[in-house]
PDB file of N, CA and C in Angstrom:
ATOM      1  N   MET A   1      15.774  51.818  27.429  1.00  0.00           N
ATOM      2  CA  MET A   1      17.157  51.524  27.713  1.00  0.00           C
ATOM      3  C   MET A   1      17.919  51.051  26.481  1.00  0.00           C
ATOM      4  N   LEU A   2      17.285  50.255  25.635  1.00  0.00           N
ATOM      5  CA  LEU A   2      17.961  49.778  24.425  1.00  0.00           C
ATOM      6  C   LEU A   2      18.339  50.928  23.512  1.00  0.00           C
ATOM      7  N   GLU A   3      17.445  51.886  23.385  1.00  0.00           N
ATOM      8  CA  GLU A   3      17.729  53.040  22.537  1.00  0.00           C
ATOM      9  C   GLU A   3      18.925  53.815  23.072  1.00  0.00           C
ATOM     10  N   HIS A   4      18.988  53.953  24.380  1.00  0.00           N
ATOM     11  CA  HIS A   4      20.101  54.668  24.995  1.00  0.00           C
ATOM     12  C   HIS A   4      21.426  53.955  24.717  1.00  0.00           C
ATOM     13  N   ALA A   5      21.445  52.653  24.893  1.00  0.00           N
ATOM     14  CA  ALA A   5      22.669  51.878  24.659  1.00  0.00           C
ATOM     15  C   ALA A   5      23.086  51.938  23.195  1.00  0.00           C
ATOM     16  N   ALA A   6      22.140  51.807  22.297  1.00  0.00           N
ATOM     17  CA  ALA A   6      22.451  51.863  20.864  1.00  0.00           C
ATOM     18  C   ALA A   6      22.971  53.241  20.476  1.00  0.00           C
ATOM     19  N   THR A   7      22.378  54.274  21.028  1.00  0.00           N
ATOM     20  CA  THR A   7      22.810  55.640  20.714  1.00  0.00           C
ATOM     21  C   THR A   7      24.207  55.890  21.266  1.00  0.00           C
ATOM     22  N   ARG A   8      24.502  55.381  22.452  1.00  0.00           N
ATOM     23  CA  ARG A   8      25.844  55.537  23.029  1.00  0.00           C
ATOM     24  C   ARG A   8      26.891  54.810  22.176  1.00  0.00           C
ATOM     25  N   ARG A   9      26.545  53.632  21.660  1.00  0.00           N
ATOM     26  CA  ARG A   9      27.474  52.900  20.781  1.00  0.00           C
ATOM     27  C   ARG A   9      27.707  53.679  19.492  1.00  0.00           C
ATOM     28  N   GLU A  10      26.637  54.209  18.933  1.00  0.00           N
ATOM     29  CA  GLU A  10      26.751  54.990  17.700  1.00  0.00           C
ATOM     30  C   GLU A  10      27.591  56.245  17.941  1.00  0.00           C
ATOM     31  N   TYR A  11      27.373  56.887  19.075  1.00  0.00           N
ATOM     32  CA  TYR A  11      28.150  58.073  19.444  1.00  0.00           C
ATOM     33  C   TYR A  11      29.638  57.724  19.513  1.00  0.00           C
ATOM     34  N   ALA A  12      29.962  56.638  20.201  1.00  0.00           N
ATOM     35  CA  ALA A  12      31.355  56.218  20.360  1.00  0.00           C
ATOM     36  C   ALA A  12      31.986  55.863  19.010  1.00  0.00           C
ATOM     37  N   ASP A  13      31.229  55.184  18.154  1.00  0.00           N
ATOM     38  CA  ASP A  13      31.736  54.818  16.832  1.00  0.00           C
ATOM     39  C   ASP A  13      32.047  56.064  16.010  1.00  0.00           C
ATOM     40  N   ARG A  14      31.131  57.007  16.005  1.00  0.00           N
ATOM     41  CA  ARG A  14      31.350  58.249  15.242  1.00  0.00           C
ATOM     42  C   ARG A  14      32.543  59.022  15.802  1.00  0.00           C
ATOM     43  N   ARG A  15      32.668  59.044  17.121  1.00  0.00           N
ATOM     44  CA  ARG A  15      33.765  59.770  17.759  1.00  0.00           C
ATOM     45  C   ARG A  15      35.105  59.137  17.377  1.00  0.00           C
ATOM     46  N   GLU A  16      35.169  57.816  17.353  1.00  0.00           N
ATOM     47  CA  GLU A  16      36.407  57.125  16.960  1.00  0.00           C
ATOM     48  C   GLU A  16      36.792  57.485  15.526  1.00  0.00           C
ATOM     49  N   ARG A  17      35.815  57.542  14.653  1.00  0.00           N
ATOM     50  CA  ARG A  17      36.100  57.905  13.266  1.00  0.00           C
ATOM     51  C   ARG A  17      36.604  59.335  13.173  1.00  0.00           C
ATOM     52  N   LEU A  18      36.037  60.228  13.988  1.00  0.00           N
ATOM     53  CA  LEU A  18      36.519  61.605  14.001  1.00  0.00           C
ATOM     54  C   LEU A  18      37.950  61.679  14.520  1.00  0.00           C
ATOM     55  N   TYR A  19      38.273  60.884  15.553  1.00  0.00           N
ATOM     56  CA  TYR A  19      39.644  60.838  16.066  1.00  0.00           C
ATOM     57  C   TYR A  19      40.624  60.427  14.962  1.00  0.00           C
ATOM     58  N   ALA A  20      40.217  59.503  14.122  1.00  0.00           N
ATOM     59  CA  ALA A  20      41.096  59.054  13.036  1.00  0.00           C
ATOM     60  C   ALA A  20      41.374  60.202  12.059  1.00  0.00           C
ATOM     61  N   PHE A  21      40.343  60.967  11.705  1.00  0.00           N
ATOM     62  CA  PHE A  21      40.546  62.122  10.828  1.00  0.00           C
ATOM     63  C   PHE A  21      41.435  63.164  11.509  1.00  0.00           C
ATOM     64  N   GLU A  22      41.191  63.407  12.786  1.00  0.00           N
ATOM     65  CA  GLU A  22      41.982  64.402  13.517  1.00  0.00           C
ATOM     66  C   GLU A  22      43.456  64.009  13.555  1.00  0.00           C
ATOM     67  N   ALA A  23      43.722  62.728  13.771  1.00  0.00           N
ATOM     68  CA  ALA A  23      45.104  62.248  13.810  1.00  0.00           C
ATOM     69  C   ALA A  23      45.750  62.363  12.433  1.00  0.00           C
ATOM     70  N   ARG A  24      45.009  62.000  11.400  1.00  0.00           N
ATOM     71  CA  ARG A  24      45.546  62.041  10.041  1.00  0.00           C
ATOM     72  C   ARG A  24      45.903  63.465   9.622  1.00  0.00           C
ATOM     73  N   TYR A  25      45.047  64.418   9.959  1.00  0.00           N
ATOM     74  CA  TYR A  25      45.238  65.800   9.518  1.00  0.00           C
ATOM     75  C   TYR A  25      45.823  66.719  10.591  1.00  0.00           C
ATOM     76  N   GLN A  26      46.058  66.176  11.794  1.00  0.00           N
ATOM     77  CA  GLN A  26      46.597  66.969  12.900  1.00  0.00           C
ATOM     78  C   GLN A  26      45.786  68.255  13.109  1.00  0.00           C
ATOM     79  N   LEU A  27      44.465  68.075  13.182  1.00  0.00           N
ATOM     80  CA  LEU A  27      43.531  69.189  13.285  1.00  0.00           C
ATOM     81  C   LEU A  27      42.301  68.701  14.042  1.00  0.00           C
ATOM     82  N   SER A  28      41.817  69.500  14.976  1.00  0.00           N
ATOM     83  CA  SER A  28      40.606  69.099  15.698  1.00  0.00           C
ATOM     84  C   SER A  28      39.410  69.170  14.754  1.00  0.00           C
ATOM     85  N   SER A  29      38.391  68.396  15.051  1.00  0.00           N
ATOM     86  CA  SER A  29      37.187  68.416  14.227  1.00  0.00           C
ATOM     87  C   SER A  29      36.500  69.776  14.288  1.00  0.00           C
ATOM     88  N   GLU A  30      36.569  70.438  15.432  1.00  0.00           N
ATOM     89  CA  GLU A  30      35.972  71.760  15.565  1.00  0.00           C
ATOM     90  C   GLU A  30      36.668  72.761  14.635  1.00  0.00           C
ATOM     91  N   ASP A  31      38.017  72.749  14.650  1.00  0.00           N
ATOM     92  CA  ASP A  31      38.774  73.645  13.764  1.00  0.00           C
ATOM     93  C   ASP A  31      38.552  73.273  12.298  1.00  0.00           C
ATOM     94  N   PHE A  32      38.524  71.966  12.029  1.00  0.00           N
ATOM     95  CA  PHE A  32      38.266  71.517  10.665  1.00  0.00           C
ATOM     96  C   PHE A  32      36.933  72.057  10.167  1.00  0.00           C
ATOM     97  N   THR A  33      35.892  71.910  10.990  1.00  0.00           N
ATOM     98  CA  THR A  33      34.553  72.334  10.579  1.00  0.00           C
ATOM     99  C   THR A  33      34.525  73.822  10.257  1.00  0.00           C
ATOM    100  N   GLN A  34      35.158  74.633  11.085  1.00  0.00           N
ATOM    101  CA  GLN A  34      35.217  76.072  10.819  1.00  0.00           C
ATOM    102  C   GLN A  34      35.939  76.348   9.495  1.00  0.00           C
ATOM    103  N   ARG A  35      37.070  75.692   9.300  1.00  0.00           N
ATOM    104  CA  ARG A  35      37.838  75.899   8.071  1.00  0.00           C
ATOM    105  C   ARG A  35      37.103  75.362   6.850  1.00  0.00           C
ATOM    106  N   PHE A  36      36.418  74.220   7.017  1.00  0.00           N
ATOM    107  CA  PHE A  36      35.677  73.631   5.906  1.00  0.00           C
ATOM    108  C   PHE A  36      34.568  74.574   5.447  1.00  0.00           C
ATOM    109  N   HIS A  37      33.815  75.109   6.401  1.00  0.00           N
ATOM    110  CA  HIS A  37      32.708  76.002   6.050  1.00  0.00           C
ATOM    111  C   HIS A  37      33.189  77.365   5.553  1.00  0.00           C
ATOM    112  N   ALA A  38      34.423  77.704   5.873  1.00  0.00           N
ATOM    113  CA  ALA A  38      35.012  78.949   5.370  1.00  0.00           C
ATOM    114  C   ALA A  38      35.623  78.750   3.985  1.00  0.00           C
ATOM    115  N   GLY A  39      35.579  77.509   3.483  1.00  0.00           N
ATOM    116  CA  GLY A  39      36.128  77.218   2.163  1.00  0.00           C
ATOM    117  C   GLY A  39      37.633  77.057   2.147  1.00  0.00           C
ATOM    118  N   GLU A  40      38.230  76.807   3.312  1.00  0.00           N
ATOM    119  CA  GLU A  40      39.688  76.694   3.417  1.00  0.00           C
ATOM    120  C   GLU A  40      40.204  75.272   3.253  1.00  0.00           C
ATOM    121  N   MET A  41      39.307  74.308   3.121  1.00  0.00           N
ATOM    122  CA  MET A  41      39.714  72.914   2.968  1.00  0.00           C
ATOM    123  C   MET A  41      39.385  72.476   1.540  1.00  0.00           C
ATOM    124  N   SER A  42      40.076  71.463   1.088  1.00  0.00           N
ATOM    125  CA  SER A  42      39.815  70.960  -0.261  1.00  0.00           C
ATOM    126  C   SER A  42      38.467  70.246  -0.301  1.00  0.00           C
ATOM    127  N   ASP A  43      38.067  69.867  -1.497  1.00  0.00           N
ATOM    128  CA  ASP A  43      36.833  69.093  -1.638  1.00  0.00           C
ATOM    129  C   ASP A  43      37.146  67.627  -1.944  1.00  0.00           C
ATOM    130  N   ALA A  44      38.312  67.187  -1.480  1.00  0.00           N
ATOM    131  CA  ALA A  44      38.707  65.788  -1.647  1.00  0.00           C
ATOM    132  C   ALA A  44      37.702  64.892  -0.920  1.00  0.00           C
ATOM    133  N   MET A  45      37.553  63.693  -1.393  1.00  0.00           N
ATOM    134  CA  MET A  45      36.579  62.749  -0.847  1.00  0.00           C
ATOM    135  C   MET A  45      36.779  62.555   0.655  1.00  0.00           C
ATOM    136  N   ASP A  46      38.014  62.443   1.103  1.00  0.00           N
ATOM    137  CA  ASP A  46      38.317  62.238   2.510  1.00  0.00           C
ATOM    138  C   ASP A  46      37.851  63.433   3.350  1.00  0.00           C
ATOM    139  N   VAL A  47      38.068  64.621   2.840  1.00  0.00           N
ATOM    140  CA  VAL A  47      37.682  65.841   3.551  1.00  0.00           C
ATOM    141  C   VAL A  47      36.161  65.945   3.636  1.00  0.00           C
ATOM    142  N   VAL A  48      35.491  65.657   2.552  1.00  0.00           N
ATOM    143  CA  VAL A  48      34.030  65.682   2.555  1.00  0.00           C
ATOM    144  C   VAL A  48      33.500  64.596   3.498  1.00  0.00           C
ATOM    145  N   GLY A  49      34.145  63.447   3.512  1.00  0.00           N
ATOM    146  CA  GLY A  49      33.755  62.376   4.433  1.00  0.00           C
ATOM    147  C   GLY A  49      33.872  62.820   5.883  1.00  0.00           C
ATOM    148  N   TRP A  50      34.933  63.537   6.199  1.00  0.00           N
ATOM    149  CA  TRP A  50      35.113  64.052   7.552  1.00  0.00           C
ATOM    150  C   TRP A  50      33.954  64.970   7.915  1.00  0.00           C
ATOM    151  N   SER A  51      33.581  65.829   6.985  1.00  0.00           N
ATOM    152  CA  SER A  51      32.464  66.750   7.212  1.00  0.00           C
ATOM    153  C   SER A  51      31.166  65.983   7.472  1.00  0.00           C
ATOM    154  N   VAL A  52      30.941  64.933   6.708  1.00  0.00           N
ATOM    155  CA  VAL A  52      29.732  64.118   6.887  1.00  0.00           C
ATOM    156  C   VAL A  52      29.745  63.431   8.256  1.00  0.00           C
ATOM    157  N   PHE A  53      30.887  62.854   8.658  1.00  0.00           N
ATOM    158  CA  PHE A  53      30.965  62.196   9.961  1.00  0.00           C
ATOM    159  C   PHE A  53      30.771  63.197  11.086  1.00  0.00           C
ATOM    160  N   TRP A  54      31.283  64.421  10.914  1.00  0.00           N
ATOM    161  CA  TRP A  54      31.074  65.450  11.927  1.00  0.00           C
ATOM    162  C   TRP A  54      29.578  65.739  12.081  1.00  0.00           C
ATOM    163  N   GLU A  55      28.877  65.906  10.979  1.00  0.00           N
ATOM    164  CA  GLU A  55      27.438  66.179  11.034  1.00  0.00           C
ATOM    165  C   GLU A  55      26.677  65.008  11.654  1.00  0.00           C
ATOM    166  N   MET A  56      27.066  63.789  11.323  1.00  0.00           N
ATOM    167  CA  MET A  56      26.414  62.615  11.898  1.00  0.00           C
ATOM    168  C   MET A  56      26.677  62.557  13.401  1.00  0.00           C
ATOM    169  N   TRP A  57      27.906  62.858  13.822  1.00  0.00           N
ATOM    170  CA  TRP A  57      28.251  62.848  15.235  1.00  0.00           C
ATOM    171  C   TRP A  57      27.459  63.910  15.985  1.00  0.00           C
ATOM    172  N   GLU A  58      27.338  65.092  15.400  1.00  0.00           N
ATOM    173  CA  GLU A  58      26.552  66.157  16.020  1.00  0.00           C
ATOM    174  C   GLU A  58      25.101  65.718  16.211  1.00  0.00           C
ATOM    175  N   SER A  59      24.547  65.053  15.223  1.00  0.00           N
ATOM    176  CA  SER A  59      23.174  64.580  15.303  1.00  0.00           C
ATOM    177  C   SER A  59      23.011  63.541  16.407  1.00  0.00           C
ATOM    178  N   VAL A  60      23.920  62.587  16.463  1.00  0.00           N
ATOM    179  CA  VAL A  60      23.867  61.549  17.490  1.00  0.00           C
ATOM    180  C   VAL A  60      24.082  62.169  18.868  1.00  0.00           C
ATOM    181  N   ARG A  61      24.973  63.134  18.960  1.00  0.00           N
ATOM    182  CA  ARG A  61      25.229  63.802  20.239  1.00  0.00           C
ATOM    183  C   ARG A  61      23.961  64.505  20.735  1.00  0.00           C
ATOM    184  N   ALA A  62      23.252  65.164  19.851  1.00  0.00           N
ATOM    185  CA  ALA A  62      21.990  65.829  20.217  1.00  0.00           C
ATOM    186  C   ALA A  62      20.946  64.815  20.663  1.00  0.00           C
ATOM    187  N   CYS A  63      20.837  63.699  19.965  1.00  0.00           N
ATOM    188  CA  CYS A  63      19.884  62.648  20.357  1.00  0.00           C
ATOM    189  C   CYS A  63      20.236  62.081  21.722  1.00  0.00           C
ATOM    190  N   LEU A  64      21.498  61.838  21.945  1.00  0.00           N
ATOM    191  CA  LEU A  64      21.942  61.302  23.227  1.00  0.00           C
ATOM    192  C   LEU A  64      21.628  62.274  24.357  1.00  0.00           C
ATOM    193  N   ALA A  65      21.827  63.551  24.128  1.00  0.00           N
ATOM    194  CA  ALA A  65      21.514  64.552  25.143  1.00  0.00           C
ATOM    195  C   ALA A  65      20.025  64.536  25.473  1.00  0.00           C
ATOM    196  N   LEU A  66      19.193  64.376  24.458  1.00  0.00           N
ATOM    197  CA  LEU A  66      17.747  64.318  24.698  1.00  0.00           C
ATOM    198  C   LEU A  66      17.366  63.069  25.489  1.00  0.00           C
ATOM    199  N   ILE A  67      17.937  61.932  25.120  1.00  0.00           N
ATOM    200  CA  ILE A  67      17.642  60.677  25.807  1.00  0.00           C
ATOM    201  C   ILE A  67      18.069  60.759  27.267  1.00  0.00           C
ATOM    202  N   GLU A  68      19.263  61.323  27.495  1.00  0.00           N
ATOM    203  CA  GLU A  68      19.771  61.383  28.867  1.00  0.00           C
ATOM    204  C   GLU A  68      19.037  62.422  29.705  1.00  0.00           C
ATOM    205  N   ALA A  69      18.374  63.376  29.072  1.00  0.00           N
ATOM    206  CA  ALA A  69      17.621  64.394  29.800  1.00  0.00           C
ATOM    207  C   ALA A  69      16.287  63.861  30.331  1.00  0.00           C
ATOM    208  N   VAL A  70      15.842  62.760  29.737  1.00  0.00           N
ATOM    209  CA  VAL A  70      14.538  62.190  30.128  1.00  0.00           C
ATOM    210  C   VAL A  70      14.658  61.373  31.392  1.00  0.00           C
TER     211      VAL A  70
END
């Protein structure tokens, strides 16, 4: 149960950070990720940070799905 609660908190924290990037750039994280991997976004530190948070969120989301499936 502790792992589940910690993972849910981490998921929520990562999601909030993604919301901040989405609001700043007026772009969904899904659209951003497609454009980033297509080379359509700059390599500014903020943009790279968004990409890193997206990958971290995806990882936490996958872990949460596994925990909740058990």
